Amino acid sequence: MRSDAVHRVLEAELAQARKRRGGQPPRVLDVGGGSGVWAVPLASAGCAVTVVDPSPNALATLQRRAADAGVADRITPLQGDTDALHAISPEGGADLVLGHGLLEVVDDVAAALREMAAATAPGGAVSVLVANRHAAVLARALTGRVTEALKLFQDPDGRLHDCAADTLQRRFDSDSVERAMREAGMDVELIQGQGVLSDIVPGSVLESTTGAAESLAELERLAAARPPLRDIATRLHAIGRVGG
């Protein structure tokens, strides 16, 4: 797995899950992760991963990736929707449940989070990764699209309703993602940013300046959990603990 802030947190979570399970492979449920961007690396790290996704095409991509990586036997693909998670995945069966890039597109955020919490084993965690509305506002303002930036800022869901290119149903900020997870019955242990500065530093700077890439990686690590820098990250990552 990579070394950014999100991956480091998940690696630590999975190490704890492995310890709770007496050395047995951690059980991961990846909701909406059909193409395998997260599932294949997790399986390669020794996890048993179940992927639930409504798209047969995405699941087909997942299976090809898993086969190419030699981890097809560690991944179980299931076709289905988030709101029917209880019907296709064992309740309380996962040490870690991922909802990365999911809450922006589901019809009912509260229902999706309740389903994910119910699928989590006692003491396990739910990991969500969501688009940050403040980053979207900032990105548009910096590129001169100030009218779009204002609309995003003022819209309750942080989206552009009159723009066909905006395919998300909503964007979040730190407060709204924490509130949604708490209302679903989770204890929110962490909110951090992913892509605080790396998405806005020009690649030419990293290529032409000695040590710039290493400095940026360290800066990302330090800024990920520190407001106000955390709150302008491209994506927000939150960990919710399920009691037990």
C-alpha atoms as a PDB file:
ATOM      1  CA  MET A   1       0.000   0.000   0.000  1.00  0.00           C
ATOM      2  CA  ARG A   2       1.065   3.626  -0.527  1.00  0.00           C
ATOM      3  CA  SER A   3       2.405   5.830   2.231  1.00  0.00           C
ATOM      4  CA  ASP A   4      -0.012   8.779   2.308  1.00  0.00           C
ATOM      5  CA  ALA A   5      -1.984   9.646   5.445  1.00  0.00           C
ATOM      6  CA  VAL A   6      -5.048   7.579   4.524  1.00  0.00           C
ATOM      7  CA  HIS A   7      -3.053   4.436   3.791  1.00  0.00           C
ATOM      8  CA  ARG A   8      -1.027   4.781   6.988  1.00  0.00           C
ATOM      9  CA  VAL A   9      -4.205   4.983   9.074  1.00  0.00           C
ATOM     10  CA  LEU A  10      -5.714   1.951   7.331  1.00  0.00           C
ATOM     11  CA  GLU A  11      -2.525  -0.061   7.772  1.00  0.00           C
ATOM     12  CA  ALA A  12      -2.594   0.660  11.510  1.00  0.00           C
ATOM     13  CA  GLU A  13      -6.282  -0.265  11.682  1.00  0.00           C
ATOM     14  CA  LEU A  14      -5.686  -3.556   9.902  1.00  0.00           C
ATOM     15  CA  ALA A  15      -2.737  -4.361  12.179  1.00  0.00           C
ATOM     16  CA  GLN A  16      -5.056  -3.965  15.167  1.00  0.00           C
ATOM     17  CA  ALA A  17      -7.703  -6.122  13.491  1.00  0.00           C
ATOM     18  CA  ARG A  18      -5.161  -8.842  12.812  1.00  0.00           C
ATOM     19  CA  LYS A  19      -4.129  -8.725  16.465  1.00  0.00           C
ATOM     20  CA  ARG A  20      -7.761  -8.999  17.628  1.00  0.00           C
ATOM     21  CA  ARG A  21      -8.204 -11.990  15.351  1.00  0.00           C
ATOM     22  CA  GLY A  22      -5.147 -13.791  16.667  1.00  0.00           C
ATOM     23  CA  GLY A  23      -3.139 -13.356  13.494  1.00  0.00           C
ATOM     24  CA  GLN A  24      -5.918 -14.334  11.103  1.00  0.00           C
ATOM     25  CA  PRO A  25      -6.427 -12.211   7.957  1.00  0.00           C
ATOM     26  CA  PRO A  26      -8.507  -9.087   8.588  1.00  0.00           C
ATOM     27  CA  ARG A  27     -11.928  -9.057   6.923  1.00  0.00           C
ATOM     28  CA  VAL A  28     -12.567  -5.982   4.789  1.00  0.00           C
ATOM     29  CA  LEU A  29     -15.851  -4.933   3.178  1.00  0.00           C
ATOM     30  CA  ASP A  30     -15.396  -2.421   0.351  1.00  0.00           C
ATOM     31  CA  VAL A  31     -18.738  -0.792  -0.454  1.00  0.00           C
ATOM     32  CA  GLY A  32     -18.923   0.742  -3.904  1.00  0.00           C
ATOM     33  CA  GLY A  33     -15.321  -0.165  -4.701  1.00  0.00           C
ATOM     34  CA  GLY A  34     -16.089  -2.334  -7.707  1.00  0.00           C
ATOM     35  CA  SER A  35     -13.044  -1.601  -9.863  1.00  0.00           C
ATOM     36  CA  GLY A  36     -10.644  -2.714  -7.140  1.00  0.00           C
ATOM     37  CA  VAL A  37      -8.597   0.453  -6.558  1.00  0.00           C
ATOM     38  CA  TRP A  38      -8.577  -0.263  -2.821  1.00  0.00           C
ATOM     39  CA  ALA A  39      -9.548  -3.935  -2.755  1.00  0.00           C
ATOM     40  CA  VAL A  40      -6.628  -5.311  -4.758  1.00  0.00           C
ATOM     41  CA  PRO A  41      -3.890  -3.623  -2.675  1.00  0.00           C
ATOM     42  CA  LEU A  42      -5.654  -4.697   0.526  1.00  0.00           C
ATOM     43  CA  ALA A  43      -5.869  -8.276  -0.699  1.00  0.00           C
ATOM     44  CA  SER A  44      -2.201  -8.103  -1.676  1.00  0.00           C
ATOM     45  CA  ALA A  45      -1.494  -7.045   1.917  1.00  0.00           C
ATOM     46  CA  GLY A  46      -3.132 -10.256   3.141  1.00  0.00           C
ATOM     47  CA  CYS A  47      -6.731  -9.201   3.798  1.00  0.00           C
ATOM     48  CA  ALA A  48      -9.864 -11.125   2.888  1.00  0.00           C
ATOM     49  CA  VAL A  49     -11.872  -8.557   0.931  1.00  0.00           C
ATOM     50  CA  THR A  50     -15.538  -8.531  -0.069  1.00  0.00           C
ATOM     51  CA  VAL A  51     -16.488  -5.894  -2.649  1.00  0.00           C
ATOM     52  CA  VAL A  52     -20.094  -4.805  -3.084  1.00  0.00           C
ATOM     53  CA  ASP A  53     -20.932  -2.714  -6.140  1.00  0.00           C
ATOM     54  CA  PRO A  54     -24.041  -2.300  -8.327  1.00  0.00           C
ATOM     55  CA  SER A  55     -22.044  -2.229 -11.581  1.00  0.00           C
ATOM     56  CA  PRO A  56     -21.253  -5.556 -13.288  1.00  0.00           C
ATOM     57  CA  ASN A  57     -18.695  -3.776 -15.464  1.00  0.00           C
ATOM     58  CA  ALA A  58     -16.839  -2.450 -12.432  1.00  0.00           C
ATOM     59  CA  LEU A  59     -16.848  -5.894 -10.838  1.00  0.00           C
ATOM     60  CA  ALA A  60     -15.474  -7.384 -14.058  1.00  0.00           C
ATOM     61  CA  THR A  61     -12.608  -4.879 -13.912  1.00  0.00           C
ATOM     62  CA  LEU A  62     -12.044  -5.865 -10.288  1.00  0.00           C
ATOM     63  CA  GLN A  63     -11.788  -9.530 -11.178  1.00  0.00           C
ATOM     64  CA  ARG A  64      -9.264  -8.821 -13.957  1.00  0.00           C
ATOM     65  CA  ARG A  65      -7.145  -6.718 -11.632  1.00  0.00           C
ATOM     66  CA  ALA A  66      -7.321  -9.336  -8.896  1.00  0.00           C
ATOM     67  CA  ALA A  67      -6.282 -12.083 -11.306  1.00  0.00           C
ATOM     68  CA  ASP A  68      -3.387 -10.004 -12.655  1.00  0.00           C
ATOM     69  CA  ALA A  69      -2.208  -9.353  -9.079  1.00  0.00           C
ATOM     70  CA  GLY A  70      -2.574 -13.001  -8.089  1.00  0.00           C
ATOM     71  CA  VAL A  71      -5.109 -12.304  -5.331  1.00  0.00           C
ATOM     72  CA  ALA A  72      -8.367 -13.470  -6.903  1.00  0.00           C
ATOM     73  CA  ASP A  73      -8.783 -16.070  -4.159  1.00  0.00           C
ATOM     74  CA  ARG A  74      -8.807 -13.327  -1.492  1.00  0.00           C
ATOM     75  CA  ILE A  75     -11.519 -11.177  -3.084  1.00  0.00           C
ATOM     76  CA  THR A  76     -15.249 -11.902  -3.177  1.00  0.00           C
ATOM     77  CA  PRO A  77     -17.213  -9.692  -5.626  1.00  0.00           C
ATOM     78  CA  LEU A  78     -20.914  -9.158  -4.926  1.00  0.00           C
ATOM     79  CA  GLN A  79     -23.318  -7.182  -7.076  1.00  0.00           C
ATOM     80  CA  GLY A  80     -25.736  -5.065  -5.068  1.00  0.00           C
ATOM     81  CA  ASP A  81     -26.682  -1.642  -3.741  1.00  0.00           C
ATOM     82  CA  THR A  82     -25.658  -0.009  -0.496  1.00  0.00           C
ATOM     83  CA  ASP A  83     -29.206   0.138   0.812  1.00  0.00           C
ATOM     84  CA  ALA A  84     -29.435  -3.670   0.551  1.00  0.00           C
ATOM     85  CA  LEU A  85     -26.083  -4.356   2.163  1.00  0.00           C
ATOM     86  CA  HIS A  86     -27.643  -6.342   4.997  1.00  0.00           C
ATOM     87  CA  ALA A  87     -29.055  -8.816   2.503  1.00  0.00           C
ATOM     88  CA  ILE A  88     -25.779  -9.640   0.766  1.00  0.00           C
ATOM     89  CA  SER A  89     -23.105  -9.226   3.441  1.00  0.00           C
ATOM     90  CA  PRO A  90     -23.057 -10.790   6.927  1.00  0.00           C
ATOM     91  CA  GLU A  91     -24.073  -8.389   9.679  1.00  0.00           C
ATOM     92  CA  GLY A  92     -21.172  -7.503  11.929  1.00  0.00           C
ATOM     93  CA  GLY A  93     -18.771  -9.532   9.832  1.00  0.00           C
ATOM     94  CA  ALA A  94     -16.123  -6.989   8.782  1.00  0.00           C
ATOM     95  CA  ASP A  95     -13.179  -5.650  10.748  1.00  0.00           C
ATOM     96  CA  LEU A  96     -12.972  -2.678   8.395  1.00  0.00           C
ATOM     97  CA  VAL A  97     -15.662  -1.265   6.106  1.00  0.00           C
ATOM     98  CA  LEU A  98     -14.682   1.129   3.325  1.00  0.00           C
ATOM     99  CA  GLY A  99     -16.980   3.720   1.816  1.00  0.00           C
ATOM    100  CA  HIS A 100     -14.496   5.622  -0.353  1.00  0.00           C
ATOM    101  CA  GLY A 101     -16.057   7.907  -2.930  1.00  0.00           C
ATOM    102  CA  LEU A 102     -19.463   6.532  -1.952  1.00  0.00           C
ATOM    103  CA  LEU A 103     -21.352   9.088   0.133  1.00  0.00           C
ATOM    104  CA  GLU A 104     -21.173  11.711  -2.618  1.00  0.00           C
ATOM    105  CA  VAL A 105     -23.292   9.560  -4.936  1.00  0.00           C
ATOM    106  CA  VAL A 106     -25.761   7.586  -2.794  1.00  0.00           C
ATOM    107  CA  ASP A 107     -29.386   8.670  -2.534  1.00  0.00           C
ATOM    108  CA  ASP A 108     -29.525   8.432   1.270  1.00  0.00           C
ATOM    109  CA  VAL A 109     -26.337   9.173   3.223  1.00  0.00           C
ATOM    110  CA  ALA A 110     -27.834   8.271   6.605  1.00  0.00           C
ATOM    111  CA  ALA A 111     -29.098   4.897   5.388  1.00  0.00           C
ATOM    112  CA  ALA A 112     -25.756   4.073   3.749  1.00  0.00           C
ATOM    113  CA  LEU A 113     -23.831   4.842   6.931  1.00  0.00           C
ATOM    114  CA  ARG A 114     -26.240   2.791   9.050  1.00  0.00           C
ATOM    115  CA  GLU A 115     -25.795  -0.166   6.704  1.00  0.00           C
ATOM    116  CA  MET A 116     -22.013   0.128   6.865  1.00  0.00           C
ATOM    117  CA  ALA A 117     -22.051   0.378  10.666  1.00  0.00           C
ATOM    118  CA  ALA A 118     -24.256  -2.708  10.896  1.00  0.00           C
ATOM    119  CA  ALA A 119     -21.819  -4.637   8.705  1.00  0.00           C
ATOM    120  CA  THR A 120     -18.899  -3.813  11.020  1.00  0.00           C
ATOM    121  CA  ALA A 121     -17.732  -6.188  13.742  1.00  0.00           C
ATOM    122  CA  PRO A 122     -17.743  -4.857  17.327  1.00  0.00           C
ATOM    123  CA  GLY A 123     -14.582  -2.829  17.786  1.00  0.00           C
ATOM    124  CA  GLY A 124     -14.115  -2.486  14.039  1.00  0.00           C
ATOM    125  CA  ALA A 125     -14.075   0.684  11.988  1.00  0.00           C
ATOM    126  CA  VAL A 126     -15.789   2.392   9.085  1.00  0.00           C
ATOM    127  CA  SER A 127     -13.525   4.405   6.785  1.00  0.00           C
ATOM    128  CA  VAL A 128     -15.087   7.039   4.537  1.00  0.00           C
ATOM    129  CA  LEU A 129     -13.340   9.195   1.958  1.00  0.00           C
ATOM    130  CA  VAL A 130     -15.388  12.074   0.569  1.00  0.00           C
ATOM    131  CA  ALA A 131     -15.055  15.066  -1.733  1.00  0.00           C
ATOM    132  CA  ASN A 132     -14.430  18.295   0.180  1.00  0.00           C
ATOM    133  CA  ARG A 133     -16.716  21.195  -0.704  1.00  0.00           C
ATOM    134  CA  HIS A 134     -14.199  23.834   0.443  1.00  0.00           C
ATOM    135  CA  ALA A 135     -11.519  22.416  -1.839  1.00  0.00           C
ATOM    136  CA  ALA A 136     -13.954  22.517  -4.766  1.00  0.00           C
ATOM    137  CA  VAL A 137     -14.754  26.167  -4.030  1.00  0.00           C
ATOM    138  CA  LEU A 138     -11.075  27.058  -3.766  1.00  0.00           C
ATOM    139  CA  ALA A 139     -10.110  25.212  -6.945  1.00  0.00           C
ATOM    140  CA  ARG A 140     -12.717  27.040  -9.003  1.00  0.00           C
ATOM    141  CA  ALA A 141     -11.859  30.430  -7.537  1.00  0.00           C
ATOM    142  CA  LEU A 142      -8.150  29.960  -8.249  1.00  0.00           C
ATOM    143  CA  THR A 143      -8.878  29.138 -11.906  1.00  0.00           C
ATOM    144  CA  GLY A 144     -11.119  32.181 -12.364  1.00  0.00           C
ATOM    145  CA  ARG A 145     -14.464  30.361 -12.219  1.00  0.00           C
ATOM    146  CA  VAL A 146     -15.688  32.568  -9.407  1.00  0.00           C
ATOM    147  CA  THR A 147     -19.387  32.302 -10.279  1.00  0.00           C
ATOM    148  CA  GLU A 148     -19.212  28.523  -9.953  1.00  0.00           C
ATOM    149  CA  ALA A 149     -17.216  28.903  -6.738  1.00  0.00           C
ATOM    150  CA  LEU A 150     -19.928  31.123  -5.258  1.00  0.00           C
ATOM    151  CA  LYS A 151     -22.675  28.685  -6.240  1.00  0.00           C
ATOM    152  CA  LEU A 152     -20.812  25.765  -4.675  1.00  0.00           C
ATOM    153  CA  PHE A 153     -20.222  27.755  -1.517  1.00  0.00           C
ATOM    154  CA  GLN A 154     -23.868  28.761  -1.177  1.00  0.00           C
ATOM    155  CA  ASP A 155     -25.470  25.448  -2.141  1.00  0.00           C
ATOM    156  CA  PRO A 156     -26.482  23.354   0.909  1.00  0.00           C
ATOM    157  CA  ASP A 157     -25.121  20.204  -0.748  1.00  0.00           C
ATOM    158  CA  GLY A 158     -22.022  21.825  -2.224  1.00  0.00           C
ATOM    159  CA  ARG A 159     -22.862  20.981  -5.811  1.00  0.00           C
ATOM    160  CA  LEU A 160     -23.613  22.710  -9.120  1.00  0.00           C
ATOM    161  CA  HIS A 161     -27.193  21.769  -9.953  1.00  0.00           C
ATOM    162  CA  ASP A 162     -27.119  23.486 -13.358  1.00  0.00           C
ATOM    163  CA  CYS A 163     -23.856  21.904 -14.511  1.00  0.00           C
ATOM    164  CA  ALA A 164     -24.052  18.535 -16.275  1.00  0.00           C
ATOM    165  CA  ALA A 165     -20.355  17.972 -15.617  1.00  0.00           C
ATOM    166  CA  ASP A 166     -20.952  17.941 -11.860  1.00  0.00           C
ATOM    167  CA  THR A 167     -21.967  14.317 -11.332  1.00  0.00           C
ATOM    168  CA  LEU A 168     -21.837  14.352  -7.526  1.00  0.00           C
ATOM    169  CA  GLN A 169     -24.988  14.642  -5.456  1.00  0.00           C
ATOM    170  CA  ARG A 170     -23.162  16.386  -2.614  1.00  0.00           C
ATOM    171  CA  ARG A 171     -19.818  17.400  -1.140  1.00  0.00           C
ATOM    172  CA  PHE A 172     -18.869  17.469   2.523  1.00  0.00           C
ATOM    173  CA  ASP A 173     -16.880  19.502   4.987  1.00  0.00           C
ATOM    174  CA  SER A 174     -15.303  18.289   8.226  1.00  0.00           C
ATOM    175  CA  ASP A 175     -18.354  19.126  10.334  1.00  0.00           C
ATOM    176  CA  SER A 176     -20.919  17.544   8.033  1.00  0.00           C
ATOM    177  CA  VAL A 177     -19.089  14.234   7.582  1.00  0.00           C
ATOM    178  CA  GLU A 178     -18.482  13.958  11.333  1.00  0.00           C
ATOM    179  CA  ARG A 179     -22.115  14.742  12.110  1.00  0.00           C
ATOM    180  CA  ALA A 180     -23.401  12.173   9.608  1.00  0.00           C
ATOM    181  CA  MET A 181     -21.220   9.427  11.051  1.00  0.00           C
ATOM    182  CA  ARG A 182     -22.159  10.234  14.656  1.00  0.00           C
ATOM    183  CA  GLU A 183     -25.846  10.200  13.767  1.00  0.00           C
ATOM    184  CA  ALA A 184     -25.307   6.684  12.372  1.00  0.00           C
ATOM    185  CA  GLY A 185     -24.070   5.580  15.790  1.00  0.00           C
ATOM    186  CA  MET A 186     -20.302   5.721  15.300  1.00  0.00           C
ATOM    187  CA  ASP A 187     -17.622   7.303  17.455  1.00  0.00           C
ATOM    188  CA  VAL A 188     -15.599   9.478  15.083  1.00  0.00           C
ATOM    189  CA  GLU A 189     -11.941   9.031  16.006  1.00  0.00           C
ATOM    190  CA  LEU A 190     -10.241  10.850  13.155  1.00  0.00           C
ATOM    191  CA  ILE A 191     -10.855  13.345  10.396  1.00  0.00           C
ATOM    192  CA  GLN A 192      -7.940  14.116   8.128  1.00  0.00           C
ATOM    193  CA  GLY A 193      -7.282  15.413   4.644  1.00  0.00           C
ATOM    194  CA  GLN A 194      -5.984  13.647   1.564  1.00  0.00           C
ATOM    195  CA  GLY A 195      -4.442  15.863  -1.091  1.00  0.00           C
ATOM    196  CA  VAL A 196      -3.937  18.931   1.102  1.00  0.00           C
ATOM    197  CA  LEU A 197      -1.230  20.456  -1.062  1.00  0.00           C
ATOM    198  CA  SER A 198      -0.089  17.728  -3.449  1.00  0.00           C
ATOM    199  CA  ASP A 199      -2.988  18.394  -5.812  1.00  0.00           C
ATOM    200  CA  ILE A 200      -2.061  22.066  -6.240  1.00  0.00           C
ATOM    201  CA  VAL A 201       1.761  21.990  -6.320  1.00  0.00           C
ATOM    202  CA  PRO A 202       2.876  21.970  -9.986  1.00  0.00           C
ATOM    203  CA  GLY A 203       4.579  18.791 -11.106  1.00  0.00           C
ATOM    204  CA  SER A 204       7.325  20.884 -12.708  1.00  0.00           C
ATOM    205  CA  VAL A 205       8.360  22.106  -9.254  1.00  0.00           C
ATOM    206  CA  LEU A 206       8.748  18.563  -7.980  1.00  0.00           C
ATOM    207  CA  GLU A 207      10.782  17.571 -11.035  1.00  0.00           C
ATOM    208  CA  SER A 208      13.104  20.583 -11.076  1.00  0.00           C
ATOM    209  CA  THR A 209      13.772  21.147  -7.361  1.00  0.00           C
ATOM    210  CA  THR A 210      16.019  18.755  -5.466  1.00  0.00           C
ATOM    211  CA  GLY A 211      14.256  17.289  -2.443  1.00  0.00           C
ATOM    212  CA  ALA A 212      10.910  18.906  -3.276  1.00  0.00           C
ATOM    213  CA  ALA A 213       9.013  15.617  -3.607  1.00  0.00           C
ATOM    214  CA  GLU A 214      10.275  14.381  -0.244  1.00  0.00           C
ATOM    215  CA  SER A 215       9.493  17.715   1.415  1.00  0.00           C
ATOM    216  CA  LEU A 216       5.991  17.722  -0.046  1.00  0.00           C
ATOM    217  CA  ALA A 217       5.345  14.175   1.200  1.00  0.00           C
ATOM    218  CA  GLU A 218       6.380  15.190   4.726  1.00  0.00           C
ATOM    219  CA  LEU A 219       4.314  18.376   4.523  1.00  0.00           C
ATOM    220  CA  GLU A 220       1.286  16.343   3.448  1.00  0.00           C
ATOM    221  CA  ARG A 221       1.776  14.013   6.396  1.00  0.00           C
ATOM    222  CA  LEU A 222       1.944  16.883   8.875  1.00  0.00           C
ATOM    223  CA  ALA A 223      -0.890  18.911   7.326  1.00  0.00           C
ATOM    224  CA  ALA A 224      -3.321  16.002   6.889  1.00  0.00           C
ATOM    225  CA  ALA A 225      -4.757  16.186  10.413  1.00  0.00           C
ATOM    226  CA  ARG A 226      -4.117  19.844  11.202  1.00  0.00           C
ATOM    227  CA  PRO A 227      -6.808  22.477  10.639  1.00  0.00           C
ATOM    228  CA  PRO A 228      -7.093  24.752   8.758  1.00  0.00           C
ATOM    229  CA  LEU A 229      -4.923  23.006   6.142  1.00  0.00           C
ATOM    230  CA  ARG A 230      -6.838  19.752   6.609  1.00  0.00           C
ATOM    231  CA  ASP A 231     -10.051  21.558   5.750  1.00  0.00           C
ATOM    232  CA  ILE A 232      -8.935  22.555   2.248  1.00  0.00           C
ATOM    233  CA  ALA A 233      -7.787  19.063   1.233  1.00  0.00           C
ATOM    234  CA  THR A 234      -9.250  17.662  -1.974  1.00  0.00           C
ATOM    235  CA  ARG A 235     -10.761  14.772  -0.015  1.00  0.00           C
ATOM    236  CA  LEU A 236     -11.655  14.269   3.639  1.00  0.00           C
ATOM    237  CA  HIS A 237     -11.005  10.952   5.352  1.00  0.00           C
ATOM    238  CA  ALA A 238     -12.869   9.930   8.499  1.00  0.00           C
ATOM    239  CA  ILE A 239     -12.684   6.880  10.743  1.00  0.00           C
ATOM    240  CA  GLY A 240     -15.742   5.878  12.768  1.00  0.00           C
ATOM    241  CA  ARG A 241     -15.523   3.234  15.478  1.00  0.00           C
ATOM    242  CA  VAL A 242     -18.352   0.777  16.016  1.00  0.00           C
ATOM    243  CA  GLY A 243     -18.747  -0.057  19.695  1.00  0.00           C
ATOM    244  CA  GLY A 244     -18.689  -3.481  21.184  1.00  0.00           C
END
